[in-house]
């Protein structure tokens, strides 16, 4: 069984949604024999988030959490032992993103928790 980090994208939306739209990228730990099986599991988790929540509002209007899709599935790199045989353990890499910045200064600002203009994101 292989382990994956599944990037599931969700958004709280109202009946008359205006822009901008805030989205959430939730990263779930999933397992599967294949990446396709892990993707199906991630999609099921995303759809489960769409359960009606009567208390969810956005700018005072009733809203519904909406599953937008699975952005990516990333296999986990285990720190110790065979990656496909051992469950995740302390020190394993769960996920990564590849981000391009125009300058090193922008990258440093982002790394320190600041906002930065992204050129590309994988």
PDB file of N, CA and C in Angstrom:
ATOM      1  N   UNK A   1       0.845  -1.175   0.000  1.00  0.00           N
ATOM      2  CA  UNK A   1       0.000   0.000   0.000  1.00  0.00           C
ATOM      3  C   UNK A   1       0.894   1.243   0.000  1.00  0.00           C
ATOM      4  N   UNK A   2       0.615   2.166  -0.875  1.00  0.00           N
ATOM      5  CA  UNK A   2       1.369   3.423  -0.952  1.00  0.00           C
ATOM      6  C   UNK A   2       0.587   4.517  -0.233  1.00  0.00           C
ATOM      7  N   UNK A   3       1.321   5.525   0.226  1.00  0.00           N
ATOM      8  CA  UNK A   3       0.714   6.659   0.923  1.00  0.00           C
ATOM      9  C   UNK A   3       0.874   7.909   0.070  1.00  0.00           C
ATOM     10  N   UNK A   4      -0.157   8.764   0.115  1.00  0.00           N
ATOM     11  CA  UNK A   4      -0.181   9.971  -0.704  1.00  0.00           C
ATOM     12  C   UNK A   4      -0.706  11.151   0.107  1.00  0.00           C
ATOM     13  N   UNK A   5      -0.315  12.343  -0.300  1.00  0.00           N
ATOM     14  CA  UNK A   5      -0.906  13.580   0.197  1.00  0.00           C
ATOM     15  C   UNK A   5      -1.827  14.078  -0.914  1.00  0.00           C
ATOM     16  N   UNK A   6      -3.110  14.185  -0.610  1.00  0.00           N
ATOM     17  CA  UNK A   6      -4.113  14.586  -1.594  1.00  0.00           C
ATOM     18  C   UNK A   6      -4.513  16.033  -1.343  1.00  0.00           C
ATOM     19  N   UNK A   7      -4.339  16.879  -2.337  1.00  0.00           N
ATOM     20  CA  UNK A   7      -4.661  18.301  -2.239  1.00  0.00           C
ATOM     21  C   UNK A   7      -6.087  18.518  -2.748  1.00  0.00           C
ATOM     22  N   UNK A   8      -7.030  18.658  -1.820  1.00  0.00           N
ATOM     23  CA  UNK A   8      -8.444  18.787  -2.135  1.00  0.00           C
ATOM     24  C   UNK A   8      -8.845  20.259  -2.026  1.00  0.00           C
ATOM     25  N   UNK A   9      -9.460  20.787  -3.096  1.00  0.00           N
ATOM     26  CA  UNK A   9      -9.819  22.209  -3.147  1.00  0.00           C
ATOM     27  C   UNK A   9     -11.317  22.367  -2.916  1.00  0.00           C
ATOM     28  N   UNK A  10     -11.650  23.228  -1.942  1.00  0.00           N
ATOM     29  CA  UNK A  10     -13.030  23.483  -1.534  1.00  0.00           C
ATOM     30  C   UNK A  10     -13.269  24.986  -1.468  1.00  0.00           C
ATOM     31  N   UNK A  11     -14.524  25.383  -1.640  1.00  0.00           N
ATOM     32  CA  UNK A  11     -14.871  26.801  -1.522  1.00  0.00           C
ATOM     33  C   UNK A  11     -16.251  26.945  -0.906  1.00  0.00           C
ATOM     34  N   UNK A  12     -16.391  27.847   0.084  1.00  0.00           N
ATOM     35  CA  UNK A  12     -17.729  28.157   0.583  1.00  0.00           C
ATOM     36  C   UNK A  12     -18.396  29.113  -0.412  1.00  0.00           C
ATOM     37  N   UNK A  13     -19.548  28.714  -0.961  1.00  0.00           N
ATOM     38  CA  UNK A  13     -20.218  29.517  -1.988  1.00  0.00           C
ATOM     39  C   UNK A  13     -21.655  29.804  -1.590  1.00  0.00           C
ATOM     40  N   UNK A  14     -22.142  30.973  -1.996  1.00  0.00           N
ATOM     41  CA  UNK A  14     -23.531  31.350  -1.786  1.00  0.00           C
ATOM     42  C   UNK A  14     -24.281  31.194  -3.106  1.00  0.00           C
ATOM     43  N   UNK A  15     -25.617  31.328  -3.053  1.00  0.00           N
ATOM     44  CA  UNK A  15     -26.430  31.209  -4.263  1.00  0.00           C
ATOM     45  C   UNK A  15     -26.068  32.292  -5.275  1.00  0.00           C
ATOM     46  N   UNK A  16     -25.714  33.463  -4.796  1.00  0.00           N
ATOM     47  CA  UNK A  16     -25.338  34.577  -5.681  1.00  0.00           C
ATOM     48  C   UNK A  16     -23.898  34.980  -5.387  1.00  0.00           C
ATOM     49  N   UNK A  17     -22.977  34.073  -5.689  1.00  0.00           N
ATOM     50  CA  UNK A  17     -21.566  34.269  -5.358  1.00  0.00           C
ATOM     51  C   UNK A  17     -20.960  35.424  -6.148  1.00  0.00           C
ATOM     52  N   UNK A  18     -20.263  36.289  -5.449  1.00  0.00           N
ATOM     53  CA  UNK A  18     -19.507  37.369  -6.079  1.00  0.00           C
ATOM     54  C   UNK A  18     -18.028  37.046  -5.981  1.00  0.00           C
ATOM     55  N   UNK A  19     -17.224  37.770  -6.725  1.00  0.00           N
ATOM     56  CA  UNK A  19     -15.766  37.600  -6.644  1.00  0.00           C
ATOM     57  C   UNK A  19     -15.232  38.619  -5.662  1.00  0.00           C
ATOM     58  N   UNK A  20     -14.120  38.418  -5.027  1.00  0.00           N
ATOM     59  CA  UNK A  20     -13.264  37.245  -5.185  1.00  0.00           C
ATOM     60  C   UNK A  20     -13.824  36.034  -4.437  1.00  0.00           C
ATOM     61  N   UNK A  21     -13.342  34.868  -4.829  1.00  0.00           N
ATOM     62  CA  UNK A  21     -13.756  33.625  -4.191  1.00  0.00           C
ATOM     63  C   UNK A  21     -12.582  33.088  -3.390  1.00  0.00           C
ATOM     64  N   UNK A  22     -12.800  32.878  -2.101  1.00  0.00           N
ATOM     65  CA  UNK A  22     -11.773  32.282  -1.251  1.00  0.00           C
ATOM     66  C   UNK A  22     -11.906  30.771  -1.332  1.00  0.00           C
ATOM     67  N   UNK A  23     -10.795  30.099  -1.555  1.00  0.00           N
ATOM     68  CA  UNK A  23     -10.804  28.639  -1.606  1.00  0.00           C
ATOM     69  C   UNK A  23      -9.883  28.089  -0.532  1.00  0.00           C
ATOM     70  N   UNK A  24     -10.146  26.874  -0.146  1.00  0.00           N
ATOM     71  CA  UNK A  24      -9.312  26.166   0.817  1.00  0.00           C
ATOM     72  C   UNK A  24      -8.693  24.965   0.119  1.00  0.00           C
ATOM     73  N   UNK A  25      -7.407  24.783   0.309  1.00  0.00           N
ATOM     74  CA  UNK A  25      -6.731  23.592  -0.185  1.00  0.00           C
ATOM     75  C   UNK A  25      -6.402  22.741   1.033  1.00  0.00           C
ATOM     76  N   UNK A  26      -7.207  21.711   1.260  1.00  0.00           N
ATOM     77  CA  UNK A  26      -6.991  20.804   2.379  1.00  0.00           C
ATOM     78  C   UNK A  26      -6.133  19.645   1.899  1.00  0.00           C
ATOM     79  N   UNK A  27      -5.118  19.311   2.669  1.00  0.00           N
ATOM     80  CA  UNK A  27      -4.229  18.206   2.303  1.00  0.00           C
ATOM     81  C   UNK A  27      -4.548  17.029   3.211  1.00  0.00           C
ATOM     82  N   UNK A  28      -5.002  15.941   2.599  1.00  0.00           N
ATOM     83  CA  UNK A  28      -5.380  14.730   3.324  1.00  0.00           C
ATOM     84  C   UNK A  28      -4.341  13.642   3.093  1.00  0.00           C
ATOM     85  N   UNK A  29      -4.106  12.851   4.113  1.00  0.00           N
ATOM     86  CA  UNK A  29      -3.274  11.665   4.003  1.00  0.00           C
ATOM     87  C   UNK A  29      -4.174  10.526   3.547  1.00  0.00           C
ATOM     88  N   UNK A  30      -3.864   9.940   2.385  1.00  0.00           N
ATOM     89  CA  UNK A  30      -4.659   8.832   1.855  1.00  0.00           C
ATOM     90  C   UNK A  30      -3.727   7.707   1.435  1.00  0.00           C
ATOM     91  N   UNK A  31      -4.272   6.513   1.354  1.00  0.00           N
ATOM     92  CA  UNK A  31      -3.473   5.384   0.897  1.00  0.00           C
ATOM     93  C   UNK A  31      -4.187   4.706  -0.255  1.00  0.00           C
ATOM     94  N   UNK A  32      -3.415   3.972  -1.037  1.00  0.00           N
ATOM     95  CA  UNK A  32      -3.985   3.232  -2.149  1.00  0.00           C
ATOM     96  C   UNK A  32      -2.932   2.349  -2.781  1.00  0.00           C
ATOM     97  N   UNK A  33      -3.384   1.323  -3.437  1.00  0.00           N
ATOM     98  CA  UNK A  33      -2.466   0.456  -4.164  1.00  0.00           C
ATOM     99  C   UNK A  33      -1.898   1.212  -5.363  1.00  0.00           C
ATOM    100  N   UNK A  34      -2.756   2.062  -5.972  1.00  0.00           N
ATOM    101  CA  UNK A  34      -2.335   2.879  -7.111  1.00  0.00           C
ATOM    102  C   UNK A  34      -2.668   4.338  -6.850  1.00  0.00           C
ATOM    103  N   UNK A  35      -2.083   5.219  -7.651  1.00  0.00           N
ATOM    104  CA  UNK A  35      -2.389   6.646  -7.541  1.00  0.00           C
ATOM    105  C   UNK A  35      -3.858   6.899  -7.887  1.00  0.00           C
ATOM    106  N   UNK A  36      -4.390   6.166  -8.841  1.00  0.00           N
ATOM    107  CA  UNK A  36      -5.796   6.302  -9.222  1.00  0.00           C
ATOM    108  C   UNK A  36      -6.719   5.967  -8.045  1.00  0.00           C
ATOM    109  N   UNK A  37      -6.383   4.943  -7.300  1.00  0.00           N
ATOM    110  CA  UNK A  37      -7.178   4.577  -6.127  1.00  0.00           C
ATOM    111  C   UNK A  37      -7.103   5.683  -5.073  1.00  0.00           C
ATOM    112  N   UNK A  38      -5.932   6.264  -4.878  1.00  0.00           N
ATOM    113  CA  UNK A  38      -5.778   7.374  -3.929  1.00  0.00           C
ATOM    114  C   UNK A  38      -6.576   8.592  -4.390  1.00  0.00           C
ATOM    115  N   UNK A  39      -6.605   8.840  -5.696  1.00  0.00           N
ATOM    116  CA  UNK A  39      -7.385   9.953  -6.244  1.00  0.00           C
ATOM    117  C   UNK A  39      -8.871   9.750  -5.967  1.00  0.00           C
ATOM    118  N   UNK A  40      -9.379   8.558  -6.168  1.00  0.00           N
ATOM    119  CA  UNK A  40     -10.796   8.274  -5.892  1.00  0.00           C
ATOM    120  C   UNK A  40     -11.116   8.506  -4.410  1.00  0.00           C
ATOM    121  N   UNK A  41     -10.197   8.114  -3.533  1.00  0.00           N
ATOM    122  CA  UNK A  41     -10.389   8.330  -2.093  1.00  0.00           C
ATOM    123  C   UNK A  41     -10.425   9.825  -1.787  1.00  0.00           C
ATOM    124  N   UNK A  42      -9.518  10.589  -2.406  1.00  0.00           N
ATOM    125  CA  UNK A  42      -9.474  12.040  -2.192  1.00  0.00           C
ATOM    126  C   UNK A  42     -10.755  12.705  -2.676  1.00  0.00           C
ATOM    127  N   UNK A  43     -11.269  12.266  -3.813  1.00  0.00           N
ATOM    128  CA  UNK A  43     -12.519  12.817  -4.332  1.00  0.00           C
ATOM    129  C   UNK A  43     -13.671  12.529  -3.369  1.00  0.00           C
ATOM    130  N   UNK A  44     -13.694  11.350  -2.799  1.00  0.00           N
ATOM    131  CA  UNK A  44     -14.737  11.002  -1.829  1.00  0.00           C
ATOM    132  C   UNK A  44     -14.645  11.894  -0.592  1.00  0.00           C
ATOM    133  N   UNK A  45     -13.434  12.172  -0.144  1.00  0.00           N
ATOM    134  CA  UNK A  45     -13.256  13.060   1.013  1.00  0.00           C
ATOM    135  C   UNK A  45     -13.743  14.470   0.682  1.00  0.00           C
ATOM    136  N   UNK A  46     -13.444  14.940  -0.513  1.00  0.00           N
ATOM    137  CA  UNK A  46     -13.895  16.261  -0.938  1.00  0.00           C
ATOM    138  C   UNK A  46     -15.409  16.358  -1.004  1.00  0.00           C
ATOM    139  N   UNK A  47     -16.038  15.339  -1.560  1.00  0.00           N
ATOM    140  CA  UNK A  47     -17.509  15.327  -1.647  1.00  0.00           C
ATOM    141  C   UNK A  47     -18.137  15.253  -0.248  1.00  0.00           C
ATOM    142  N   UNK A  48     -17.478  14.570   0.671  1.00  0.00           N
ATOM    143  CA  UNK A  48     -17.997  14.476   2.042  1.00  0.00           C
ATOM    144  C   UNK A  48     -18.012  15.848   2.716  1.00  0.00           C
ATOM    145  N   UNK A  49     -17.122  16.743   2.301  1.00  0.00           N
ATOM    146  CA  UNK A  49     -17.085  18.100   2.864  1.00  0.00           C
ATOM    147  C   UNK A  49     -18.288  18.930   2.427  1.00  0.00           C
ATOM    148  N   UNK A  50     -18.992  18.482   1.386  1.00  0.00           N
ATOM    149  CA  UNK A  50     -20.138  19.233   0.874  1.00  0.00           C
ATOM    150  C   UNK A  50     -21.412  19.016   1.689  1.00  0.00           C
ATOM    151  N   UNK A  51     -21.331  18.255   2.753  1.00  0.00           N
ATOM    152  CA  UNK A  51     -22.497  18.013   3.598  1.00  0.00           C
ATOM    153  C   UNK A  51     -23.055  19.362   4.043  1.00  0.00           C
ATOM    154  N   UNK A  52     -24.352  19.500   3.958  1.00  0.00           N
ATOM    155  CA  UNK A  52     -25.004  20.770   4.285  1.00  0.00           C
ATOM    156  C   UNK A  52     -24.732  21.133   5.739  1.00  0.00           C
ATOM    157  N   UNK A  53     -24.261  22.353   5.929  1.00  0.00           N
ATOM    158  CA  UNK A  53     -24.010  22.900   7.264  1.00  0.00           C
ATOM    159  C   UNK A  53     -24.913  24.124   7.399  1.00  0.00           C
ATOM    160  N   UNK A  54     -25.992  23.993   8.166  1.00  0.00           N
ATOM    161  CA  UNK A  54     -26.963  25.077   8.284  1.00  0.00           C
ATOM    162  C   UNK A  54     -26.376  26.340   8.896  1.00  0.00           C
ATOM    163  N   UNK A  55     -25.241  26.229   9.567  1.00  0.00           N
ATOM    164  CA  UNK A  55     -24.648  27.394  10.217  1.00  0.00           C
ATOM    165  C   UNK A  55     -23.630  28.113   9.337  1.00  0.00           C
ATOM    166  N   UNK A  56     -23.309  27.581   8.162  1.00  0.00           N
ATOM    167  CA  UNK A  56     -22.290  28.186   7.304  1.00  0.00           C
ATOM    168  C   UNK A  56     -22.871  29.393   6.577  1.00  0.00           C
ATOM    169  N   UNK A  57     -22.227  30.539   6.772  1.00  0.00           N
ATOM    170  CA  UNK A  57     -22.631  31.759   6.071  1.00  0.00           C
ATOM    171  C   UNK A  57     -21.399  32.433   5.487  1.00  0.00           C
ATOM    172  N   UNK A  58     -21.631  33.228   4.468  1.00  0.00           N
ATOM    173  CA  UNK A  58     -20.579  34.010   3.832  1.00  0.00           C
ATOM    174  C   UNK A  58     -21.123  35.405   3.617  1.00  0.00           C
ATOM    175  N   UNK A  59     -20.531  36.387   4.288  1.00  0.00           N
ATOM    176  CA  UNK A  59     -21.015  37.766   4.242  1.00  0.00           C
ATOM    177  C   UNK A  59     -22.500  37.852   4.587  1.00  0.00           C
ATOM    178  N   UNK A  60     -22.919  37.048   5.576  1.00  0.00           N
ATOM    179  CA  UNK A  60     -24.284  37.081   6.050  1.00  0.00           C
ATOM    180  C   UNK A  60     -25.274  36.239   5.255  1.00  0.00           C
ATOM    181  N   UNK A  61     -24.840  35.674   4.145  1.00  0.00           N
ATOM    182  CA  UNK A  61     -25.736  34.863   3.313  1.00  0.00           C
ATOM    183  C   UNK A  61     -25.457  33.381   3.546  1.00  0.00           C
ATOM    184  N   UNK A  62     -26.501  32.541   3.489  1.00  0.00           N
ATOM    185  CA  UNK A  62     -26.279  31.098   3.631  1.00  0.00           C
ATOM    186  C   UNK A  62     -25.315  30.604   2.551  1.00  0.00           C
ATOM    187  N   UNK A  63     -24.399  29.737   2.954  1.00  0.00           N
ATOM    188  CA  UNK A  63     -23.398  29.233   2.013  1.00  0.00           C
ATOM    189  C   UNK A  63     -23.296  27.720   2.121  1.00  0.00           C
ATOM    190  N   UNK A  64     -22.735  27.137   1.091  1.00  0.00           N
ATOM    191  CA  UNK A  64     -22.510  25.697   1.065  1.00  0.00           C
ATOM    192  C   UNK A  64     -21.045  25.449   0.700  1.00  0.00           C
ATOM    193  N   UNK A  65     -20.402  24.553   1.444  1.00  0.00           N
ATOM    194  CA  UNK A  65     -19.035  24.174   1.096  1.00  0.00           C
ATOM    195  C   UNK A  65     -19.110  23.353  -0.190  1.00  0.00           C
ATOM    196  N   UNK A  66     -18.341  23.759  -1.182  1.00  0.00           N
ATOM    197  CA  UNK A  66     -18.403  23.142  -2.501  1.00  0.00           C
ATOM    198  C   UNK A  66     -17.064  22.519  -2.857  1.00  0.00           C
ATOM    199  N   UNK A  67     -17.097  21.265  -3.241  1.00  0.00           N
ATOM    200  CA  UNK A  67     -15.896  20.546  -3.676  1.00  0.00           C
ATOM    201  C   UNK A  67     -15.585  20.969  -5.107  1.00  0.00           C
ATOM    202  N   UNK A  68     -14.400  21.548  -5.314  1.00  0.00           N
ATOM    203  CA  UNK A  68     -14.002  22.004  -6.641  1.00  0.00           C
ATOM    204  C   UNK A  68     -13.123  20.999  -7.377  1.00  0.00           C
ATOM    205  N   UNK A  69     -12.438  20.137  -6.654  1.00  0.00           N
ATOM    206  CA  UNK A  69     -11.610  19.133  -7.305  1.00  0.00           C
ATOM    207  C   UNK A  69     -10.387  18.768  -6.490  1.00  0.00           C
ATOM    208  N   UNK A  70      -9.633  17.829  -7.026  1.00  0.00           N
ATOM    209  CA  UNK A  70      -8.363  17.422  -6.425  1.00  0.00           C
ATOM    210  C   UNK A  70      -7.258  18.036  -7.272  1.00  0.00           C
ATOM    211  N   UNK A  71      -6.501  18.959  -6.675  1.00  0.00           N
ATOM    212  CA  UNK A  71      -5.460  19.672  -7.423  1.00  0.00           C
ATOM    213  C   UNK A  71      -4.291  18.776  -7.762  1.00  0.00           C
ATOM    214  N   UNK A  72      -3.885  17.949  -6.813  1.00  0.00           N
ATOM    215  CA  UNK A  72      -2.792  17.029  -7.100  1.00  0.00           C
ATOM    216  C   UNK A  72      -2.727  15.941  -6.043  1.00  0.00           C
ATOM    217  N   UNK A  73      -2.115  14.843  -6.434  1.00  0.00           N
ATOM    218  CA  UNK A  73      -1.821  13.719  -5.547  1.00  0.00           C
ATOM    219  C   UNK A  73      -0.304  13.587  -5.535  1.00  0.00           C
ATOM    220  N   UNK A  74       0.283  13.614  -4.343  1.00  0.00           N
ATOM    221  CA  UNK A  74       1.739  13.547  -4.217  1.00  0.00           C
ATOM    222  C   UNK A  74       2.101  12.318  -3.400  1.00  0.00           C
ATOM    223  N   UNK A  75       2.957  11.462  -3.961  1.00  0.00           N
ATOM    224  CA  UNK A  75       3.390  10.295  -3.195  1.00  0.00           C
ATOM    225  C   UNK A  75       4.300  10.767  -2.070  1.00  0.00           C
ATOM    226  N   UNK A  76       4.210  10.090  -0.954  1.00  0.00           N
ATOM    227  CA  UNK A  76       4.972  10.477   0.228  1.00  0.00           C
ATOM    228  C   UNK A  76       6.350   9.834   0.189  1.00  0.00           C
ATOM    229  N   UNK A  77       7.349  10.615   0.526  1.00  0.00           N
ATOM    230  CA  UNK A  77       8.715  10.108   0.617  1.00  0.00           C
ATOM    231  C   UNK A  77       9.017   9.785   2.064  1.00  0.00           C
ATOM    232  N   UNK A  78       9.091   8.500   2.354  1.00  0.00           N
ATOM    233  CA  UNK A  78       9.345   8.060   3.709  1.00  0.00           C
ATOM    234  C   UNK A  78      10.808   8.264   4.078  1.00  0.00           C
ATOM    235  N   UNK A  79      11.044   8.673   5.294  1.00  0.00           N
ATOM    236  CA  UNK A  79      12.398   8.942   5.756  1.00  0.00           C
ATOM    237  C   UNK A  79      13.180   7.661   6.013  1.00  0.00           C
ATOM    238  N   UNK A  80      12.474   6.608   6.369  1.00  0.00           N
ATOM    239  CA  UNK A  80      13.132   5.349   6.732  1.00  0.00           C
ATOM    240  C   UNK A  80      12.420   4.195   6.035  1.00  0.00           C
ATOM    241  N   UNK A  81      13.184   3.240   5.535  1.00  0.00           N
ATOM    242  CA  UNK A  81      12.608   2.020   4.980  1.00  0.00           C
ATOM    243  C   UNK A  81      12.034   2.200   3.595  1.00  0.00           C
ATOM    244  N   UNK A  82      11.532   1.112   3.034  1.00  0.00           N
ATOM    245  CA  UNK A  82      10.928   1.175   1.698  1.00  0.00           C
ATOM    246  C   UNK A  82       9.701   2.083   1.693  1.00  0.00           C
ATOM    247  N   UNK A  83       9.630   2.990   0.732  1.00  0.00           N
ATOM    248  CA  UNK A  83       8.547   3.963   0.704  1.00  0.00           C
ATOM    249  C   UNK A  83       7.179   3.332   0.500  1.00  0.00           C
ATOM    250  N   UNK A  84       7.098   2.223  -0.220  1.00  0.00           N
ATOM    251  CA  UNK A  84       5.805   1.630  -0.522  1.00  0.00           C
ATOM    252  C   UNK A  84       5.327   0.631   0.530  1.00  0.00           C
ATOM    253  N   UNK A  85       6.188   0.259   1.450  1.00  0.00           N
ATOM    254  CA  UNK A  85       5.829  -0.782   2.402  1.00  0.00           C
ATOM    255  C   UNK A  85       5.572  -0.273   3.811  1.00  0.00           C
ATOM    256  N   UNK A  86       6.185   0.823   4.181  1.00  0.00           N
ATOM    257  CA  UNK A  86       6.061   1.331   5.546  1.00  0.00           C
ATOM    258  C   UNK A  86       5.083   2.507   5.575  1.00  0.00           C
ATOM    259  N   UNK A  87       4.278   2.621   6.631  1.00  0.00           N
ATOM    260  CA  UNK A  87       3.400   3.786   6.748  1.00  0.00           C
ATOM    261  C   UNK A  87       4.233   5.041   7.023  1.00  0.00           C
ATOM    262  N   UNK A  88       3.656   6.214   6.801  1.00  0.00           N
ATOM    263  CA  UNK A  88       4.381   7.451   7.087  1.00  0.00           C
ATOM    264  C   UNK A  88       4.841   7.480   8.539  1.00  0.00           C
ATOM    265  N   UNK A  89       5.991   8.069   8.741  1.00  0.00           N
ATOM    266  CA  UNK A  89       6.574   8.156  10.076  1.00  0.00           C
ATOM    267  C   UNK A  89       7.188   9.535  10.260  1.00  0.00           C
ATOM    268  N   UNK A  90       7.620   9.812  11.458  1.00  0.00           N
ATOM    269  CA  UNK A  90       8.266  11.085  11.769  1.00  0.00           C
ATOM    270  C   UNK A  90       9.390  11.359  10.777  1.00  0.00           C
ATOM    271  N   UNK A  91       9.384  12.529  10.213  1.00  0.00           N
ATOM    272  CA  UNK A  91      10.439  12.930   9.290  1.00  0.00           C
ATOM    273  C   UNK A  91      10.142  12.678   7.827  1.00  0.00           C
ATOM    274  N   UNK A  92       8.986  12.072   7.509  1.00  0.00           N
ATOM    275  CA  UNK A  92       8.692  11.834   6.102  1.00  0.00           C
ATOM    276  C   UNK A  92       8.177  13.124   5.453  1.00  0.00           C
ATOM    277  N   UNK A  93       8.414  13.236   4.160  1.00  0.00           N
ATOM    278  CA  UNK A  93       7.938  14.385   3.397  1.00  0.00           C
ATOM    279  C   UNK A  93       6.520  14.099   2.936  1.00  0.00           C
ATOM    280  N   UNK A  94       5.546  14.857   3.429  1.00  0.00           N
ATOM    281  CA  UNK A  94       4.153  14.609   3.081  1.00  0.00           C
ATOM    282  C   UNK A  94       3.759  15.193   1.740  1.00  0.00           C
ATOM    283  N   UNK A  95       4.208  16.381   1.430  1.00  0.00           N
ATOM    284  CA  UNK A  95       3.811  17.040   0.197  1.00  0.00           C
ATOM    285  C   UNK A  95       4.809  18.124  -0.164  1.00  0.00           C
ATOM    286  N   UNK A  96       4.681  18.644  -1.353  1.00  0.00           N
ATOM    287  CA  UNK A  96       5.520  19.753  -1.784  1.00  0.00           C
ATOM    288  C   UNK A  96       4.764  20.557  -2.832  1.00  0.00           C
ATOM    289  N   UNK A  97       5.188  21.771  -3.022  1.00  0.00           N
ATOM    290  CA  UNK A  97       4.693  22.621  -4.101  1.00  0.00           C
ATOM    291  C   UNK A  97       5.899  23.253  -4.775  1.00  0.00           C
ATOM    292  N   UNK A  98       5.823  23.383  -6.066  1.00  0.00           N
ATOM    293  CA  UNK A  98       6.881  24.060  -6.819  1.00  0.00           C
ATOM    294  C   UNK A  98       6.346  25.426  -7.207  1.00  0.00           C
ATOM    295  N   UNK A  99       7.018  26.467  -6.737  1.00  0.00           N
ATOM    296  CA  UNK A  99       6.554  27.835  -6.937  1.00  0.00           C
ATOM    297  C   UNK A  99       7.675  28.633  -7.577  1.00  0.00           C
ATOM    298  N   UNK A 100       7.333  29.448  -8.565  1.00  0.00           N
ATOM    299  CA  UNK A 100       8.335  30.282  -9.232  1.00  0.00           C
ATOM    300  C   UNK A 100       8.105  31.747  -8.865  1.00  0.00           C
ATOM    301  N   UNK A 101       9.176  32.428  -8.495  1.00  0.00           N
ATOM    302  CA  UNK A 101       9.143  33.854  -8.179  1.00  0.00           C
ATOM    303  C   UNK A 101      10.042  34.599  -9.162  1.00  0.00           C
ATOM    304  N   UNK A 102       9.778  35.867  -9.343  1.00  0.00           N
ATOM    305  CA  UNK A 102      10.590  36.682 -10.251  1.00  0.00           C
ATOM    306  C   UNK A 102      11.947  37.036  -9.647  1.00  0.00           C
ATOM    307  N   UNK A 103      11.991  37.149  -8.303  1.00  0.00           N
ATOM    308  CA  UNK A 103      13.254  37.528  -7.663  1.00  0.00           C
ATOM    309  C   UNK A 103      13.482  36.695  -6.410  1.00  0.00           C
ATOM    310  N   UNK A 104      14.742  36.635  -5.982  1.00  0.00           N
ATOM    311  CA  UNK A 104      15.082  35.962  -4.736  1.00  0.00           C
ATOM    312  C   UNK A 104      14.451  36.690  -3.558  1.00  0.00           C
ATOM    313  N   UNK A 105      14.372  38.014  -3.638  1.00  0.00           N
ATOM    314  CA  UNK A 105      13.749  38.797  -2.572  1.00  0.00           C
ATOM    315  C   UNK A 105      12.293  38.424  -2.360  1.00  0.00           C
ATOM    316  N   UNK A 106      11.549  38.204  -3.461  1.00  0.00           N
ATOM    317  CA  UNK A 106      10.153  37.782  -3.354  1.00  0.00           C
ATOM    318  C   UNK A 106      10.059  36.404  -2.714  1.00  0.00           C
ATOM    319  N   UNK A 107      10.972  35.520  -3.103  1.00  0.00           N
ATOM    320  CA  UNK A 107      10.986  34.167  -2.531  1.00  0.00           C
ATOM    321  C   UNK A 107      11.273  34.221  -1.034  1.00  0.00           C
ATOM    322  N   UNK A 108      12.218  35.049  -0.631  1.00  0.00           N
ATOM    323  CA  UNK A 108      12.566  35.179   0.782  1.00  0.00           C
ATOM    324  C   UNK A 108      11.393  35.759   1.569  1.00  0.00           C
ATOM    325  N   UNK A 109      10.739  36.761   0.996  1.00  0.00           N
ATOM    326  CA  UNK A 109       9.584  37.375   1.644  1.00  0.00           C
ATOM    327  C   UNK A 109       8.474  36.334   1.851  1.00  0.00           C
ATOM    328  N   UNK A 110       8.227  35.506   0.838  1.00  0.00           N
ATOM    329  CA  UNK A 110       7.247  34.434   0.925  1.00  0.00           C
ATOM    330  C   UNK A 110       7.631  33.423   2.009  1.00  0.00           C
ATOM    331  N   UNK A 111       8.914  33.054   2.048  1.00  0.00           N
ATOM    332  CA  UNK A 111       9.403  32.079   3.031  1.00  0.00           C
ATOM    333  C   UNK A 111       9.256  32.586   4.459  1.00  0.00           C
ATOM    334  N   UNK A 112       9.248  33.883   4.631  1.00  0.00           N
ATOM    335  CA  UNK A 112       9.100  34.493   5.953  1.00  0.00           C
ATOM    336  C   UNK A 112       7.637  34.731   6.311  1.00  0.00           C
ATOM    337  N   UNK A 113       6.716  34.254   5.451  1.00  0.00           N
ATOM    338  CA  UNK A 113       5.291  34.366   5.737  1.00  0.00           C
ATOM    339  C   UNK A 113       4.614  35.542   5.080  1.00  0.00           C
ATOM    340  N   UNK A 114       5.339  36.295   4.272  1.00  0.00           N
ATOM    341  CA  UNK A 114       4.753  37.447   3.600  1.00  0.00           C
ATOM    342  C   UNK A 114       4.025  37.080   2.323  1.00  0.00           C
ATOM    343  N   UNK A 115       3.249  38.024   1.826  1.00  0.00           N
ATOM    344  CA  UNK A 115       2.564  37.837   0.561  1.00  0.00           C
ATOM    345  C   UNK A 115       3.549  38.072  -0.580  1.00  0.00           C
ATOM    346  N   UNK A 116       3.356  37.365  -1.665  1.00  0.00           N
ATOM    347  CA  UNK A 116       4.227  37.523  -2.825  1.00  0.00           C
ATOM    348  C   UNK A 116       3.468  37.182  -4.084  1.00  0.00           C
ATOM    349  N   UNK A 117       3.870  37.776  -5.177  1.00  0.00           N
ATOM    350  CA  UNK A 117       3.258  37.491  -6.479  1.00  0.00           C
ATOM    351  C   UNK A 117       3.859  36.191  -7.007  1.00  0.00           C
ATOM    352  N   UNK A 118       3.003  35.216  -7.292  1.00  0.00           N
ATOM    353  CA  UNK A 118       3.464  33.932  -7.821  1.00  0.00           C
ATOM    354  C   UNK A 118       3.443  33.972  -9.340  1.00  0.00           C
ATOM    355  N   UNK A 119       4.534  33.504  -9.952  1.00  0.00           N
ATOM    356  CA  UNK A 119       4.570  33.397 -11.396  1.00  0.00           C
ATOM    357  C   UNK A 119       3.935  32.085 -11.830  1.00  0.00           C
ATOM    358  N   UNK A 120       4.225  31.012 -11.123  1.00  0.00           N
ATOM    359  CA  UNK A 120       3.582  29.732 -11.429  1.00  0.00           C
ATOM    360  C   UNK A 120       3.560  28.865 -10.183  1.00  0.00           C
ATOM    361  N   UNK A 121       2.633  27.945 -10.170  1.00  0.00           N
ATOM    362  CA  UNK A 121       2.487  27.041  -9.025  1.00  0.00           C
ATOM    363  C   UNK A 121       2.081  25.685  -9.559  1.00  0.00           C
ATOM    364  N   UNK A 122       2.767  24.660  -9.115  1.00  0.00           N
ATOM    365  CA  UNK A 122       2.410  23.283  -9.487  1.00  0.00           C
ATOM    366  C   UNK A 122       1.832  22.588  -8.291  1.00  0.00           C
TER     367      UNK A 122
END
